[in-house]
Amino acid sequence: MDEAPLVLLWGALFLAGCGMTPDIVLRNSAGQTARCEGFFVASGWGRSRLLSKLQRECVDDYQRQGYGRVPE
């Protein structure tokens, strides 16, 4: 039996559960920029929430220091 179609099917199912959150760029009044990096998220809702929370905390930390989000 040819295993190639089965391998392709499993690969497609794995990638369907993966995603990438975009980087968030911030800038302060002096023109310095900071970046809160996005994350590659392999399937798993709890893991995705954790990584999103880490990125939000990164943004919050910079905003407390006077940085503002740069529009995409």
Foldseek 3Di string as FASTA:
>chain_A
DDCVVVVVVVVVVFVVQKDKDQKWWKAAPVGDIDIQHIDIDGHDPVVNVVRVVVSVVVVVVVVVVHIDTDDD
